[in-house]
Amino acid sequence: MLIMVRDNNVDQAMRVLKKKMQREGIFRELKQRRSYEKPSQRKVREKAEAIRRSRKVARKQAQRDGLLAPSKPKLRPGVAR
């Protein structure tokens, strides 16, 4: 992974690197690899993730079809709007 540092702006380069790592799932993989996960626990986790993904897709499809009202954006504390 290559990140260009322009005008000695290391802070911006670090933000870009962090965003790329987040998008590629490196942080999630590091968290999972911190300790051993038994194969049975892995299957349970992957099945739960698949169910979560399918429910999310179904919810998005229902919103597009007009069966559900669009979800409201979540308000984060400390963020002015």
C-alpha atoms as a PDB file:
ATOM      1  CA  MET A   1       0.000   0.000   0.000  1.00  0.00           C
ATOM      2  CA  LEU A   2       1.533   3.287  -1.082  1.00  0.00           C
ATOM      3  CA  ILE A   3       0.510   6.660   0.328  1.00  0.00           C
ATOM      4  CA  MET A   4       1.962   9.845  -1.131  1.00  0.00           C
ATOM      5  CA  VAL A   5       2.923  12.620   1.317  1.00  0.00           C
ATOM      6  CA  ARG A   6       2.390  15.996  -0.310  1.00  0.00           C
ATOM      7  CA  ASP A   7       4.028  19.184   0.987  1.00  0.00           C
ATOM      8  CA  ASN A   8       5.261  17.361   4.118  1.00  0.00           C
ATOM      9  CA  ASN A   9       1.650  17.018   5.282  1.00  0.00           C
ATOM     10  CA  VAL A  10       2.073  13.821   7.288  1.00  0.00           C
ATOM     11  CA  ASP A  11      -1.216  14.235   9.163  1.00  0.00           C
ATOM     12  CA  GLN A  12      -3.226  14.131   5.952  1.00  0.00           C
ATOM     13  CA  ALA A  13      -1.223  11.128   4.710  1.00  0.00           C
ATOM     14  CA  MET A  14      -1.944   9.310   7.989  1.00  0.00           C
ATOM     15  CA  ARG A  15      -5.672  10.024   7.619  1.00  0.00           C
ATOM     16  CA  VAL A  16      -5.608   8.672   4.055  1.00  0.00           C
ATOM     17  CA  LEU A  17      -3.732   5.555   5.206  1.00  0.00           C
ATOM     18  CA  LYS A  18      -6.163   4.952   8.058  1.00  0.00           C
ATOM     19  CA  LYS A  19      -9.142   5.349   5.717  1.00  0.00           C
ATOM     20  CA  LYS A  20      -7.648   2.872   3.219  1.00  0.00           C
ATOM     21  CA  MET A  21      -6.925   0.353   5.960  1.00  0.00           C
ATOM     22  CA  GLN A  22     -10.465   0.750   7.299  1.00  0.00           C
ATOM     23  CA  ARG A  23     -11.967   0.208   3.839  1.00  0.00           C
ATOM     24  CA  GLU A  24      -9.894  -2.931   3.244  1.00  0.00           C
ATOM     25  CA  GLY A  25     -10.878  -4.445   6.598  1.00  0.00           C
ATOM     26  CA  ILE A  26      -7.373  -4.622   8.029  1.00  0.00           C
ATOM     27  CA  PHE A  27      -8.434  -3.394  11.483  1.00  0.00           C
ATOM     28  CA  ARG A  28     -11.209  -5.991  11.700  1.00  0.00           C
ATOM     29  CA  GLU A  29      -8.822  -8.758  10.665  1.00  0.00           C
ATOM     30  CA  LEU A  30      -6.235  -7.656  13.240  1.00  0.00           C
ATOM     31  CA  LYS A  31      -8.887  -7.708  15.954  1.00  0.00           C
ATOM     32  CA  GLN A  32      -9.979 -11.219  14.967  1.00  0.00           C
ATOM     33  CA  ARG A  33      -6.420 -12.552  14.854  1.00  0.00           C
ATOM     34  CA  ARG A  34      -5.500 -11.329  18.330  1.00  0.00           C
ATOM     35  CA  SER A  35      -6.634 -14.641  19.780  1.00  0.00           C
ATOM     36  CA  TYR A  36      -7.417 -18.099  18.424  1.00  0.00           C
ATOM     37  CA  GLU A  37     -10.976 -18.672  17.287  1.00  0.00           C
ATOM     38  CA  LYS A  38     -12.219 -22.239  17.345  1.00  0.00           C
ATOM     39  CA  PRO A  39     -13.632 -23.455  14.009  1.00  0.00           C
ATOM     40  CA  SER A  40     -17.074 -23.963  15.566  1.00  0.00           C
ATOM     41  CA  GLN A  41     -17.092 -20.384  16.895  1.00  0.00           C
ATOM     42  CA  ARG A  42     -15.923 -19.136  13.499  1.00  0.00           C
ATOM     43  CA  LYS A  43     -18.846 -20.872  11.765  1.00  0.00           C
ATOM     44  CA  VAL A  44     -21.309 -19.360  14.240  1.00  0.00           C
ATOM     45  CA  ARG A  45     -19.833 -15.868  13.739  1.00  0.00           C
ATOM     46  CA  GLU A  46     -19.797 -16.146   9.947  1.00  0.00           C
ATOM     47  CA  LYS A  47     -23.391 -17.413   9.897  1.00  0.00           C
ATOM     48  CA  ALA A  48     -24.515 -14.508  12.109  1.00  0.00           C
ATOM     49  CA  GLU A  49     -22.687 -12.049   9.822  1.00  0.00           C
ATOM     50  CA  ALA A  50     -24.380 -13.563   6.760  1.00  0.00           C
ATOM     51  CA  ILE A  51     -27.805 -13.253   8.403  1.00  0.00           C
ATOM     52  CA  ARG A  52     -27.054  -9.631   9.316  1.00  0.00           C
ATOM     53  CA  ARG A  53     -25.996  -8.862   5.736  1.00  0.00           C
ATOM     54  CA  SER A  54     -29.085 -10.509   4.233  1.00  0.00           C
ATOM     55  CA  ARG A  55     -31.394  -8.594   6.597  1.00  0.00           C
ATOM     56  CA  LYS A  56     -29.650  -5.350   5.689  1.00  0.00           C
ATOM     57  CA  VAL A  57     -30.060  -6.049   1.958  1.00  0.00           C
ATOM     58  CA  ALA A  58     -33.742  -6.942   2.459  1.00  0.00           C
ATOM     59  CA  ARG A  59     -34.312  -3.755   4.478  1.00  0.00           C
ATOM     60  CA  LYS A  60     -32.634  -1.607   1.801  1.00  0.00           C
ATOM     61  CA  GLN A  61     -34.708  -3.308  -0.914  1.00  0.00           C
ATOM     62  CA  ALA A  62     -37.935  -2.701   1.040  1.00  0.00           C
ATOM     63  CA  GLN A  63     -37.001   0.973   1.415  1.00  0.00           C
ATOM     64  CA  ARG A  64     -36.358   1.263  -2.324  1.00  0.00           C
ATOM     65  CA  ASP A  65     -39.695  -0.400  -3.089  1.00  0.00           C
ATOM     66  CA  GLY A  66     -41.494   2.010  -0.765  1.00  0.00           C
ATOM     67  CA  LEU A  67     -42.596  -0.637   1.731  1.00  0.00           C
ATOM     68  CA  LEU A  68     -40.573   0.938   4.541  1.00  0.00           C
ATOM     69  CA  ALA A  69     -39.895   4.557   5.365  1.00  0.00           C
ATOM     70  CA  PRO A  70     -36.253   5.541   4.892  1.00  0.00           C
ATOM     71  CA  SER A  71     -34.255   5.235   8.087  1.00  0.00           C
ATOM     72  CA  LYS A  72     -33.336   8.442   9.855  1.00  0.00           C
ATOM     73  CA  PRO A  73     -29.618   9.205  10.074  1.00  0.00           C
ATOM     74  CA  LYS A  74     -28.264   8.482  13.537  1.00  0.00           C
ATOM     75  CA  LEU A  75     -27.260  11.566  15.493  1.00  0.00           C
ATOM     76  CA  ARG A  76     -23.806  11.336  16.973  1.00  0.00           C
ATOM     77  CA  PRO A  77     -23.146  13.150  20.242  1.00  0.00           C
ATOM     78  CA  GLY A  78     -20.839  16.112  19.913  1.00  0.00           C
ATOM     79  CA  VAL A  79     -21.453  16.618  16.191  1.00  0.00           C
ATOM     80  CA  ALA A  80     -23.176  19.907  15.387  1.00  0.00           C
ATOM     81  CA  ARG A  81     -25.706  19.898  12.573  1.00  0.00           C
END
